Amino acid sequence: MTAQVVVDVAGEGDLAASASGAVAADLGDAFVAARDAVLAAAPGDGVLIRCTTVDSPALTGAVTSLCRSLAREAAPRGVRVNAILATPDAEIDDLVAFLGSPASTMCTGAVLEAV
């Protein structure tokens, strides 16, 4: 059986973005994408990976909390939710491949940092 994998990618979130309200919009988009992915996934067969380029500690904390709470909500359906927090130059291909693979089936609510 092949898992349904949704990779949700967001842009940079620095202090100016936090002050302008862009962080709130980014988190709103993340929640909507996650909700839609969880509802669309067949039980036991879904993976949501949230990738965010972050420079703001506030956004890092918000994405971490969102990932972990969504993981708890989606776990009974067998849908895994994880996040990757990356610097702008980070290579995240291997992390995305790992989180979407059968090798990470016991991993949900994880927040990986790539530099």
PDB file of N, CA and C in Angstrom:
ATOM      1  N   MET A   1       0.840  -1.165   0.000  1.00  0.00           N
ATOM      2  CA  MET A   1       0.000   0.000   0.000  1.00  0.00           C
ATOM      3  C   MET A   1       0.894   1.239   0.000  1.00  0.00           C
ATOM      4  N   THR A   2       0.556   2.220  -0.815  1.00  0.00           N
ATOM      5  CA  THR A   2       1.324   3.442  -0.904  1.00  0.00           C
ATOM      6  C   THR A   2       0.655   4.531  -0.078  1.00  0.00           C
ATOM      7  N   ALA A   3       1.439   5.194   0.748  1.00  0.00           N
ATOM      8  CA  ALA A   3       0.900   6.258   1.596  1.00  0.00           C
ATOM      9  C   ALA A   3       0.622   7.502   0.774  1.00  0.00           C
ATOM     10  N   GLN A   4      -0.390   8.253   1.181  1.00  0.00           N
ATOM     11  CA  GLN A   4      -0.648   9.559   0.606  1.00  0.00           C
ATOM     12  C   GLN A   4       0.215  10.551   1.372  1.00  0.00           C
ATOM     13  N   VAL A   5       1.111  11.237   0.665  1.00  0.00           N
ATOM     14  CA  VAL A   5       2.023  12.173   1.316  1.00  0.00           C
ATOM     15  C   VAL A   5       1.709  13.582   0.829  1.00  0.00           C
ATOM     16  N   VAL A   6       1.497  14.495   1.767  1.00  0.00           N
ATOM     17  CA  VAL A   6       1.290  15.903   1.455  1.00  0.00           C
ATOM     18  C   VAL A   6       2.450  16.671   2.059  1.00  0.00           C
ATOM     19  N   VAL A   7       3.167  17.425   1.219  1.00  0.00           N
ATOM     20  CA  VAL A   7       4.260  18.264   1.692  1.00  0.00           C
ATOM     21  C   VAL A   7       3.792  19.709   1.557  1.00  0.00           C
ATOM     22  N   ASP A   8       3.685  20.404   2.673  1.00  0.00           N
ATOM     23  CA  ASP A   8       3.206  21.781   2.729  1.00  0.00           C
ATOM     24  C   ASP A   8       4.412  22.671   2.994  1.00  0.00           C
ATOM     25  N   VAL A   9       4.738  23.546   2.044  1.00  0.00           N
ATOM     26  CA  VAL A   9       5.942  24.371   2.142  1.00  0.00           C
ATOM     27  C   VAL A   9       5.548  25.833   2.309  1.00  0.00           C
ATOM     28  N   ALA A  10       6.171  26.504   3.279  1.00  0.00           N
ATOM     29  CA  ALA A  10       5.902  27.922   3.520  1.00  0.00           C
ATOM     30  C   ALA A  10       7.189  28.709   3.393  1.00  0.00           C
ATOM     31  N   GLY A  11       7.053  30.012   3.210  1.00  0.00           N
ATOM     32  CA  GLY A  11       8.208  30.879   3.029  1.00  0.00           C
ATOM     33  C   GLY A  11       8.840  31.312   4.326  1.00  0.00           C
ATOM     34  N   GLU A  12       9.634  32.371   4.226  1.00  0.00           N
ATOM     35  CA  GLU A  12      10.398  32.853   5.371  1.00  0.00           C
ATOM     36  C   GLU A  12       9.499  33.570   6.371  1.00  0.00           C
ATOM     37  N   GLY A  13       9.877  33.473   7.631  1.00  0.00           N
ATOM     38  CA  GLY A  13       9.157  34.178   8.681  1.00  0.00           C
ATOM     39  C   GLY A  13      10.141  34.865   9.600  1.00  0.00           C
ATOM     40  N   ASP A  14      10.410  36.144   9.356  1.00  0.00           N
ATOM     41  CA  ASP A  14      11.335  36.879  10.201  1.00  0.00           C
ATOM     42  C   ASP A  14      10.552  37.837  11.098  1.00  0.00           C
ATOM     43  N   LEU A  15      11.247  38.703  11.802  1.00  0.00           N
ATOM     44  CA  LEU A  15      10.587  39.622  12.727  1.00  0.00           C
ATOM     45  C   LEU A  15       9.622  40.548  11.996  1.00  0.00           C
ATOM     46  N   ALA A  16      10.005  41.028  10.810  1.00  0.00           N
ATOM     47  CA  ALA A  16       9.110  41.902  10.044  1.00  0.00           C
ATOM     48  C   ALA A  16       7.836  41.163   9.655  1.00  0.00           C
ATOM     49  N   ALA A  17       7.971  39.888   9.278  1.00  0.00           N
ATOM     50  CA  ALA A  17       6.790  39.092   8.931  1.00  0.00           C
ATOM     51  C   ALA A  17       5.900  38.900  10.147  1.00  0.00           C
ATOM     52  N   SER A  18       6.522  38.716  11.308  1.00  0.00           N
ATOM     53  CA  SER A  18       5.743  38.554  12.541  1.00  0.00           C
ATOM     54  C   SER A  18       4.945  39.816  12.832  1.00  0.00           C
ATOM     55  N   ALA A  19       5.585  40.968  12.677  1.00  0.00           N
ATOM     56  CA  ALA A  19       4.928  42.235  12.977  1.00  0.00           C
ATOM     57  C   ALA A  19       3.838  42.566  11.968  1.00  0.00           C
ATOM     58  N   SER A  20       3.990  42.133  10.730  1.00  0.00           N
ATOM     59  CA  SER A  20       3.024  42.486   9.691  1.00  0.00           C
ATOM     60  C   SER A  20       1.803  41.581   9.667  1.00  0.00           C
ATOM     61  N   GLY A  21       1.825  40.519  10.434  1.00  0.00           N
ATOM     62  CA  GLY A  21       0.699  39.592  10.426  1.00  0.00           C
ATOM     63  C   GLY A  21       0.892  38.432   9.469  1.00  0.00           C
ATOM     64  N   ALA A  22       2.024  38.392   8.761  1.00  0.00           N
ATOM     65  CA  ALA A  22       2.278  37.304   7.818  1.00  0.00           C
ATOM     66  C   ALA A  22       2.383  35.961   8.531  1.00  0.00           C
ATOM     67  N   VAL A  23       2.860  35.969   9.762  1.00  0.00           N
ATOM     68  CA  VAL A  23       2.973  34.725  10.529  1.00  0.00           C
ATOM     69  C   VAL A  23       1.588  34.147  10.787  1.00  0.00           C
ATOM     70  N   ALA A  24       0.651  35.000  11.165  1.00  0.00           N
ATOM     71  CA  ALA A  24      -0.716  34.526  11.409  1.00  0.00           C
ATOM     72  C   ALA A  24      -1.314  33.944  10.136  1.00  0.00           C
ATOM     73  N   ALA A  25      -1.079  34.600   9.011  1.00  0.00           N
ATOM     74  CA  ALA A  25      -1.589  34.085   7.739  1.00  0.00           C
ATOM     75  C   ALA A  25      -0.940  32.755   7.398  1.00  0.00           C
ATOM     76  N   ASP A  26       0.362  32.637   7.637  1.00  0.00           N
ATOM     77  CA  ASP A  26       1.083  31.394   7.365  1.00  0.00           C
ATOM     78  C   ASP A  26       0.536  30.253   8.218  1.00  0.00           C
ATOM     79  N   LEU A  27       0.298  30.515   9.493  1.00  0.00           N
ATOM     80  CA  LEU A  27      -0.241  29.477  10.375  1.00  0.00           C
ATOM     81  C   LEU A  27      -1.670  29.111  10.001  1.00  0.00           C
ATOM     82  N   GLY A  28      -2.445  30.102   9.575  1.00  0.00           N
ATOM     83  CA  GLY A  28      -3.802  29.811   9.110  1.00  0.00           C
ATOM     84  C   GLY A  28      -3.783  28.903   7.895  1.00  0.00           C
ATOM     85  N   ASP A  29      -2.892  29.206   6.947  1.00  0.00           N
ATOM     86  CA  ASP A  29      -2.739  28.359   5.759  1.00  0.00           C
ATOM     87  C   ASP A  29      -2.281  26.960   6.143  1.00  0.00           C
ATOM     88  N   ALA A  30      -1.363  26.871   7.097  1.00  0.00           N
ATOM     89  CA  ALA A  30      -0.863  25.565   7.540  1.00  0.00           C
ATOM     90  C   ALA A  30      -1.990  24.740   8.146  1.00  0.00           C
ATOM     91  N   PHE A  31      -2.832  25.379   8.945  1.00  0.00           N
ATOM     92  CA  PHE A  31      -3.934  24.655   9.570  1.00  0.00           C
ATOM     93  C   PHE A  31      -4.927  24.155   8.526  1.00  0.00           C
ATOM     94  N   VAL A  32      -5.286  25.006   7.561  1.00  0.00           N
ATOM     95  CA  VAL A  32      -6.238  24.610   6.517  1.00  0.00           C
ATOM     96  C   VAL A  32      -5.670  23.463   5.684  1.00  0.00           C
ATOM     97  N   ALA A  33      -4.397  23.561   5.297  1.00  0.00           N
ATOM     98  CA  ALA A  33      -3.774  22.484   4.512  1.00  0.00           C
ATOM     99  C   ALA A  33      -3.751  21.184   5.298  1.00  0.00           C
ATOM    100  N   ALA A  34      -3.433  21.271   6.576  1.00  0.00           N
ATOM    101  CA  ALA A  34      -3.381  20.067   7.411  1.00  0.00           C
ATOM    102  C   ALA A  34      -4.763  19.453   7.570  1.00  0.00           C
ATOM    103  N   ARG A  35      -5.746  20.281   7.838  1.00  0.00           N
ATOM    104  CA  ARG A  35      -7.117  19.772   7.996  1.00  0.00           C
ATOM    105  C   ARG A  35      -7.576  19.054   6.729  1.00  0.00           C
ATOM    106  N   ASP A  36      -7.344  19.686   5.574  1.00  0.00           N
ATOM    107  CA  ASP A  36      -7.752  19.081   4.308  1.00  0.00           C
ATOM    108  C   ASP A  36      -7.011  17.778   4.043  1.00  0.00           C
ATOM    109  N   ALA A  37      -5.710  17.752   4.360  1.00  0.00           N
ATOM    110  CA  ALA A  37      -4.918  16.537   4.136  1.00  0.00           C
ATOM    111  C   ALA A  37      -5.370  15.405   5.043  1.00  0.00           C
ATOM    112  N   VAL A  38      -5.640  15.708   6.299  1.00  0.00           N
ATOM    113  CA  VAL A  38      -6.074  14.673   7.247  1.00  0.00           C
ATOM    114  C   VAL A  38      -7.434  14.115   6.837  1.00  0.00           C
ATOM    115  N   LEU A  39      -8.344  14.987   6.430  1.00  0.00           N
ATOM    116  CA  LEU A  39      -9.676  14.529   6.027  1.00  0.00           C
ATOM    117  C   LEU A  39      -9.644  13.720   4.732  1.00  0.00           C
ATOM    118  N   ALA A  40      -8.710  14.050   3.831  1.00  0.00           N
ATOM    119  CA  ALA A  40      -8.636  13.356   2.544  1.00  0.00           C
ATOM    120  C   ALA A  40      -7.894  12.028   2.624  1.00  0.00           C
ATOM    121  N   ALA A  41      -7.049  11.866   3.613  1.00  0.00           N
ATOM    122  CA  ALA A  41      -6.230  10.652   3.709  1.00  0.00           C
ATOM    123  C   ALA A  41      -7.073   9.461   4.140  1.00  0.00           C
ATOM    124  N   ALA A  42      -6.771   8.327   3.522  1.00  0.00           N
ATOM    125  CA  ALA A  42      -7.403   7.086   3.962  1.00  0.00           C
ATOM    126  C   ALA A  42      -6.863   6.753   5.345  1.00  0.00           C
ATOM    127  N   PRO A  43      -7.706   6.249   6.242  1.00  0.00           N
ATOM    128  CA  PRO A  43      -7.223   5.906   7.585  1.00  0.00           C
ATOM    129  C   PRO A  43      -6.005   4.980   7.536  1.00  0.00           C
ATOM    130  N   GLY A  44      -4.983   5.353   8.293  1.00  0.00           N
ATOM    131  CA  GLY A  44      -3.769   4.549   8.357  1.00  0.00           C
ATOM    132  C   GLY A  44      -2.830   4.742   7.188  1.00  0.00           C
ATOM    133  N   ASP A  45      -3.123   5.729   6.338  1.00  0.00           N
ATOM    134  CA  ASP A  45      -2.371   5.819   5.090  1.00  0.00           C
ATOM    135  C   ASP A  45      -1.957   7.238   4.717  1.00  0.00           C
ATOM    136  N   GLY A  46      -1.855   8.147   5.670  1.00  0.00           N
ATOM    137  CA  GLY A  46      -1.545   9.520   5.318  1.00  0.00           C
ATOM    138  C   GLY A  46      -0.333  10.064   6.039  1.00  0.00           C
ATOM    139  N   VAL A  47       0.365  10.959   5.357  1.00  0.00           N
ATOM    140  CA  VAL A  47       1.530  11.633   5.926  1.00  0.00           C
ATOM    141  C   VAL A  47       1.445  13.106   5.543  1.00  0.00           C
ATOM    142  N   LEU A  48       1.553  13.989   6.518  1.00  0.00           N
ATOM    143  CA  LEU A  48       1.620  15.422   6.265  1.00  0.00           C
ATOM    144  C   LEU A  48       2.963  15.908   6.772  1.00  0.00           C
ATOM    145  N   ILE A  49       3.708  16.583   5.898  1.00  0.00           N
ATOM    146  CA  ILE A  49       5.018  17.129   6.267  1.00  0.00           C
ATOM    147  C   ILE A  49       4.956  18.635   6.045  1.00  0.00           C
ATOM    148  N   ARG A  50       5.127  19.401   7.088  1.00  0.00           N
ATOM    149  CA  ARG A  50       5.107  20.855   7.026  1.00  0.00           C
ATOM    150  C   ARG A  50       6.546  21.342   6.978  1.00  0.00           C
ATOM    151  N   CYS A  51       6.929  22.016   5.894  1.00  0.00           N
ATOM    152  CA  CYS A  51       8.288  22.544   5.737  1.00  0.00           C
ATOM    153  C   CYS A  51       8.216  24.065   5.815  1.00  0.00           C
ATOM    154  N   THR A  52       8.982  24.644   6.719  1.00  0.00           N
ATOM    155  CA  THR A  52       8.955  26.085   6.913  1.00  0.00           C
ATOM    156  C   THR A  52      10.372  26.611   7.041  1.00  0.00           C
ATOM    157  N   THR A  53      10.645  27.710   6.337  1.00  0.00           N
ATOM    158  CA  THR A  53      11.908  28.414   6.496  1.00  0.00           C
ATOM    159  C   THR A  53      11.676  29.473   7.556  1.00  0.00           C
ATOM    160  N   VAL A  54      12.389  29.369   8.655  1.00  0.00           N
ATOM    161  CA  VAL A  54      12.106  30.260   9.777  1.00  0.00           C
ATOM    162  C   VAL A  54      13.346  30.994  10.262  1.00  0.00           C
ATOM    163  N   ASP A  55      13.130  32.248  10.632  1.00  0.00           N
ATOM    164  CA  ASP A  55      14.154  33.055  11.288  1.00  0.00           C
ATOM    165  C   ASP A  55      13.609  33.621  12.588  1.00  0.00           C
ATOM    166  N   SER A  56      12.334  33.421  12.838  1.00  0.00           N
ATOM    167  CA  SER A  56      11.667  34.003  13.995  1.00  0.00           C
ATOM    168  C   SER A  56      11.401  32.946  15.057  1.00  0.00           C
ATOM    169  N   PRO A  57      11.892  33.159  16.274  1.00  0.00           N
ATOM    170  CA  PRO A  57      11.594  32.204  17.345  1.00  0.00           C
ATOM    171  C   PRO A  57      10.095  32.043  17.590  1.00  0.00           C
ATOM    172  N   ALA A  58       9.326  33.109  17.401  1.00  0.00           N
ATOM    173  CA  ALA A  58       7.877  33.014  17.597  1.00  0.00           C
ATOM    174  C   ALA A  58       7.260  32.059  16.582  1.00  0.00           C
ATOM    175  N   LEU A  59       7.691  32.149  15.325  1.00  0.00           N
ATOM    176  CA  LEU A  59       7.157  31.255  14.297  1.00  0.00           C
ATOM    177  C   LEU A  59       7.622  29.826  14.531  1.00  0.00           C
ATOM    178  N   THR A  60       8.861  29.658  14.961  1.00  0.00           N
ATOM    179  CA  THR A  60       9.362  28.317  15.268  1.00  0.00           C
ATOM    180  C   THR A  60       8.496  27.659  16.338  1.00  0.00           C
ATOM    181  N   GLY A  61       8.214  28.388  17.394  1.00  0.00           N
ATOM    182  CA  GLY A  61       7.372  27.854  18.462  1.00  0.00           C
ATOM    183  C   GLY A  61       5.961  27.563  17.993  1.00  0.00           C
ATOM    184  N   ALA A  62       5.417  28.434  17.168  1.00  0.00           N
ATOM    185  CA  ALA A  62       4.052  28.245  16.678  1.00  0.00           C
ATOM    186  C   ALA A  62       3.951  27.027  15.771  1.00  0.00           C
ATOM    187  N   VAL A  63       4.900  26.867  14.853  1.00  0.00           N
ATOM    188  CA  VAL A  63       4.885  25.714  13.951  1.00  0.00           C
ATOM    189  C   VAL A  63       5.085  24.421  14.739  1.00  0.00           C
ATOM    190  N   THR A  64       5.972  24.448  15.728  1.00  0.00           N
ATOM    191  CA  THR A  64       6.196  23.268  16.570  1.00  0.00           C
ATOM    192  C   THR A  64       4.918  22.877  17.301  1.00  0.00           C
ATOM    193  N   SER A  65       4.257  23.842  17.917  1.00  0.00           N
ATOM    194  CA  SER A  65       3.013  23.559  18.638  1.00  0.00           C
ATOM    195  C   SER A  65       1.922  23.071  17.702  1.00  0.00           C
ATOM    196  N   LEU A  66       1.798  23.699  16.532  1.00  0.00           N
ATOM    197  CA  LEU A  66       0.790  23.282  15.559  1.00  0.00           C
ATOM    198  C   LEU A  66       1.034  21.851  15.104  1.00  0.00           C
ATOM    199  N   CYS A  67       2.284  21.527  14.796  1.00  0.00           N
ATOM    200  CA  CYS A  67       2.627  20.173  14.346  1.00  0.00           C
ATOM    201  C   CYS A  67       2.271  19.136  15.405  1.00  0.00           C
ATOM    202  N   ARG A  68       2.657  19.390  16.620  1.00  0.00           N
ATOM    203  CA  ARG A  68       2.429  18.400  17.680  1.00  0.00           C
ATOM    204  C   ARG A  68       0.945  18.247  18.015  1.00  0.00           C
ATOM    205  N   SER A  69       0.200  19.342  18.005  1.00  0.00           N
ATOM    206  CA  SER A  69      -1.232  19.214  18.298  1.00  0.00           C
ATOM    207  C   SER A  69      -1.963  18.534  17.148  1.00  0.00           C
ATOM    208  N   LEU A  70      -1.581  18.838  15.904  1.00  0.00           N
ATOM    209  CA  LEU A  70      -2.193  18.153  14.761  1.00  0.00           C
ATOM    210  C   LEU A  70      -1.845  16.669  14.759  1.00  0.00           C
ATOM    211  N   ALA A  71      -0.631  16.343  15.172  1.00  0.00           N
ATOM    212  CA  ALA A  71      -0.231  14.931  15.238  1.00  0.00           C
ATOM    213  C   ALA A  71      -1.112  14.172  16.225  1.00  0.00           C
ATOM    214  N   ARG A  72      -1.389  14.781  17.376  1.00  0.00           N
ATOM    215  CA  ARG A  72      -2.275  14.137  18.356  1.00  0.00           C
ATOM    216  C   ARG A  72      -3.687  13.970  17.802  1.00  0.00           C
ATOM    217  N   GLU A  73      -4.179  14.969  17.087  1.00  0.00           N
ATOM    218  CA  GLU A  73      -5.531  14.914  16.523  1.00  0.00           C
ATOM    219  C   GLU A  73      -5.634  13.880  15.402  1.00  0.00           C
ATOM    220  N   ALA A  74      -4.592  13.768  14.585  1.00  0.00           N
ATOM    221  CA  ALA A  74      -4.638  12.891  13.411  1.00  0.00           C
ATOM    222  C   ALA A  74      -4.246  11.451  13.719  1.00  0.00           C
ATOM    223  N   ALA A  75      -3.565  11.221  14.827  1.00  0.00           N
ATOM    224  CA  ALA A  75      -3.073   9.873  15.152  1.00  0.00           C
ATOM    225  C   ALA A  75      -4.166   8.810  15.182  1.00  0.00           C
ATOM    226  N   PRO A  76      -5.345   9.075  15.742  1.00  0.00           N
ATOM    227  CA  PRO A  76      -6.377   8.031  15.745  1.00  0.00           C
ATOM    228  C   PRO A  76      -6.805   7.591  14.341  1.00  0.00           C
ATOM    229  N   ARG A  77      -6.625   8.458  13.342  1.00  0.00           N
ATOM    230  CA  ARG A  77      -6.940   8.099  11.954  1.00  0.00           C
ATOM    231  C   ARG A  77      -5.761   7.415  11.271  1.00  0.00           C
ATOM    232  N   GLY A  78      -4.632   7.334  11.964  1.00  0.00           N
ATOM    233  CA  GLY A  78      -3.455   6.718  11.363  1.00  0.00           C
ATOM    234  C   GLY A  78      -2.724   7.639  10.413  1.00  0.00           C
ATOM    235  N   VAL A  79      -2.914   8.948  10.583  1.00  0.00           N
ATOM    236  CA  VAL A  79      -2.243   9.940   9.742  1.00  0.00           C
ATOM    237  C   VAL A  79      -1.110  10.555  10.552  1.00  0.00           C
ATOM    238  N   ARG A  80       0.085  10.566   9.971  1.00  0.00           N
ATOM    239  CA  ARG A  80       1.257  11.126  10.646  1.00  0.00           C
ATOM    240  C   ARG A  80       1.450  12.579  10.242  1.00  0.00           C
ATOM    241  N   VAL A  81       1.808  13.424  11.198  1.00  0.00           N
ATOM    242  CA  VAL A  81       2.060  14.841  10.954  1.00  0.00           C
ATOM    243  C   VAL A  81       3.430  15.171  11.529  1.00  0.00           C
ATOM    244  N   ASN A  82       4.320  15.691  10.690  1.00  0.00           N
ATOM    245  CA  ASN A  82       5.668  16.067  11.116  1.00  0.00           C
ATOM    246  C   ASN A  82       6.027  17.403  10.488  1.00  0.00           C
ATOM    247  N   ALA A  83       7.083  18.037  10.987  1.00  0.00           N
ATOM    248  CA  ALA A  83       7.507  19.329  10.455  1.00  0.00           C
ATOM    249  C   ALA A  83       9.017  19.355  10.268  1.00  0.00           C
ATOM    250  N   ILE A  84       9.432  20.172   9.305  1.00  0.00           N
ATOM    251  CA  ILE A  84      10.853  20.447   9.084  1.00  0.00           C
ATOM    252  C   ILE A  84      11.027  21.959   9.150  1.00  0.00           C
ATOM    253  N   LEU A  85      11.853  22.420  10.083  1.00  0.00           N
ATOM    254  CA  LEU A  85      12.205  23.831  10.199  1.00  0.00           C
ATOM    255  C   LEU A  85      13.584  23.983   9.588  1.00  0.00           C
ATOM    256  N   ALA A  86      13.690  24.812   8.558  1.00  0.00           N
ATOM    257  CA  ALA A  86      14.946  24.880   7.809  1.00  0.00           C
ATOM    258  C   ALA A  86      15.439  26.309   7.656  1.00  0.00           C
ATOM    259  N   THR A  87      16.747  26.443   7.567  1.00  0.00           N
ATOM    260  CA  THR A  87      17.323  27.722   7.182  1.00  0.00           C
ATOM    261  C   THR A  87      17.149  27.852   5.670  1.00  0.00           C
ATOM    262  N   PRO A  88      17.246  29.073   5.129  1.00  0.00           N
ATOM    263  CA  PRO A  88      17.006  29.242   3.692  1.00  0.00           C
ATOM    264  C   PRO A  88      17.897  28.391   2.788  1.00  0.00           C
ATOM    265  N   ASP A  89      19.112  28.080   3.214  1.00  0.00           N
ATOM    266  CA  ASP A  89      20.034  27.321   2.366  1.00  0.00           C
ATOM    267  C   ASP A  89      20.036  25.823   2.643  1.00  0.00           C
ATOM    268  N   ALA A  90      19.206  25.365   3.544  1.00  0.00           N
ATOM    269  CA  ALA A  90      19.228  23.952   3.947  1.00  0.00           C
ATOM    270  C   ALA A  90      18.695  23.051   2.835  1.00  0.00           C
ATOM    271  N   GLU A  91      19.317  21.898   2.710  1.00  0.00           N
ATOM    272  CA  GLU A  91      18.855  20.855   1.791  1.00  0.00           C
ATOM    273  C   GLU A  91      17.951  19.927   2.587  1.00  0.00           C
ATOM    274  N   ILE A  92      16.688  19.860   2.216  1.00  0.00           N
ATOM    275  CA  ILE A  92      15.748  19.061   3.002  1.00  0.00           C
ATOM    276  C   ILE A  92      15.193  17.862   2.240  1.00  0.00           C
ATOM    277  N   ASP A  93      15.687  17.619   1.036  1.00  0.00           N
ATOM    278  CA  ASP A  93      15.164  16.523   0.213  1.00  0.00           C
ATOM    279  C   ASP A  93      15.190  15.183   0.943  1.00  0.00           C
ATOM    280  N   ASP A  94      16.313  14.863   1.557  1.00  0.00           N
ATOM    281  CA  ASP A  94      16.437  13.569   2.239  1.00  0.00           C
ATOM    282  C   ASP A  94      15.516  13.479   3.457  1.00  0.00           C
ATOM    283  N   LEU A  95      15.338  14.595   4.161  1.00  0.00           N
ATOM    284  CA  LEU A  95      14.435  14.591   5.313  1.00  0.00           C
ATOM    285  C   LEU A  95      12.990  14.358   4.877  1.00  0.00           C
ATOM    286  N   VAL A  96      12.582  15.025   3.794  1.00  0.00           N
ATOM    287  CA  VAL A  96      11.224  14.839   3.270  1.00  0.00           C
ATOM    288  C   VAL A  96      11.033  13.395   2.821  1.00  0.00           C
ATOM    289  N   ALA A  97      12.031  12.856   2.115  1.00  0.00           N
ATOM    290  CA  ALA A  97      11.940  11.465   1.653  1.00  0.00           C
ATOM    291  C   ALA A  97      11.830  10.504   2.834  1.00  0.00           C
ATOM    292  N   PHE A  98      12.615  10.743   3.876  1.00  0.00           N
ATOM    293  CA  PHE A  98      12.553   9.874   5.054  1.00  0.00           C
ATOM    294  C   PHE A  98      11.183   9.944   5.729  1.00  0.00           C
ATOM    295  N   LEU A  99      10.689  11.162   5.977  1.00  0.00           N
ATOM    296  CA  LEU A  99       9.414  11.310   6.681  1.00  0.00           C
ATOM    297  C   LEU A  99       8.237  10.759   5.877  1.00  0.00           C
ATOM    298  N   GLY A 100       8.368  10.729   4.565  1.00  0.00           N
ATOM    299  CA  GLY A 100       7.309  10.187   3.724  1.00  0.00           C
ATOM    300  C   GLY A 100       7.424   8.699   3.473  1.00  0.00           C
ATOM    301  N   SER A 101       8.483   8.089   3.965  1.00  0.00           N
ATOM    302  CA  SER A 101       8.742   6.675   3.683  1.00  0.00           C
ATOM    303  C   SER A 101       8.235   5.763   4.798  1.00  0.00           C
ATOM    304  N   PRO A 102       8.147   4.463   4.506  1.00  0.00           N
ATOM    305  CA  PRO A 102       7.762   3.495   5.536  1.00  0.00           C
ATOM    306  C   PRO A 102       8.754   3.433   6.705  1.00  0.00           C
ATOM    307  N   ALA A 103       9.983   3.900   6.500  1.00  0.00           N
ATOM    308  CA  ALA A 103      10.985   3.870   7.570  1.00  0.00           C
ATOM    309  C   ALA A 103      10.597   4.763   8.748  1.00  0.00           C
ATOM    310  N   SER A 104       9.686   5.711   8.525  1.00  0.00           N
ATOM    311  CA  SER A 104       9.318   6.639   9.599  1.00  0.00           C
ATOM    312  C   SER A 104       7.886   6.429  10.095  1.00  0.00           C
ATOM    313  N   THR A 105       7.371   5.228   9.938  1.00  0.00           N
ATOM    314  CA  THR A 105       5.974   4.995  10.328  1.00  0.00           C
ATOM    315  C   THR A 105       5.712   5.203  11.818  1.00  0.00           C
ATOM    316  N   MET A 106       6.704   5.123  12.647  1.00  0.00           N
ATOM    317  CA  MET A 106       6.516   5.342  14.087  1.00  0.00           C
ATOM    318  C   MET A 106       6.783   6.795  14.482  1.00  0.00           C
ATOM    319  N   CYS A 107       6.959   7.660  13.507  1.00  0.00           N
ATOM    320  CA  CYS A 107       7.335   9.045  13.766  1.00  0.00           C
ATOM    321  C   CYS A 107       6.153   9.974  13.462  1.00  0.00           C
ATOM    322  N   THR A 108       5.575  10.569  14.483  1.00  0.00           N
ATOM    323  CA  THR A 108       4.548  11.593  14.294  1.00  0.00           C
ATOM    324  C   THR A 108       4.708  12.644  15.382  1.00  0.00           C
ATOM    325  N   GLY A 109       4.489  13.888  15.015  1.00  0.00           N
ATOM    326  CA  GLY A 109       4.689  14.988  15.949  1.00  0.00           C
ATOM    327  C   GLY A 109       6.137  15.427  16.041  1.00  0.00           C
ATOM    328  N   ALA A 110       6.986  14.899  15.160  1.00  0.00           N
ATOM    329  CA  ALA A 110       8.413  15.246  15.182  1.00  0.00           C
ATOM    330  C   ALA A 110       8.640  16.578  14.474  1.00  0.00           C
ATOM    331  N   VAL A 111       9.548  17.364  15.017  1.00  0.00           N
ATOM    332  CA  VAL A 111       9.948  18.619  14.401  1.00  0.00           C
ATOM    333  C   VAL A 111      11.449  18.537  14.189  1.00  0.00           C
ATOM    334  N   LEU A 112      11.854  18.398  12.928  1.00  0.00           N
ATOM    335  CA  LEU A 112      13.267  18.269  12.589  1.00  0.00           C
ATOM    336  C   LEU A 112      13.795  19.627  12.157  1.00  0.00           C
ATOM    337  N   GLU A 113      15.009  19.948  12.575  1.00  0.00           N
ATOM    338  CA  GLU A 113      15.628  21.212  12.201  1.00  0.00           C
ATOM    339  C   GLU A 113      16.767  20.950  11.237  1.00  0.00           C
ATOM    340  N   ALA A 114      16.750  21.659  10.103  1.00  0.00           N
ATOM    341  CA  ALA A 114      17.789  21.517   9.087  1.00  0.00           C
ATOM    342  C   ALA A 114      18.508  22.849   8.926  1.00  0.00           C
ATOM    343  N   VAL A 115      19.835  22.790   8.994  1.00  0.00           N
ATOM    344  CA  VAL A 115      20.628  24.015   8.849  1.00  0.00           C
ATOM    345  C   VAL A 115      21.516  23.930   7.641  1.00  0.00           C
TER     346      VAL A 115
END
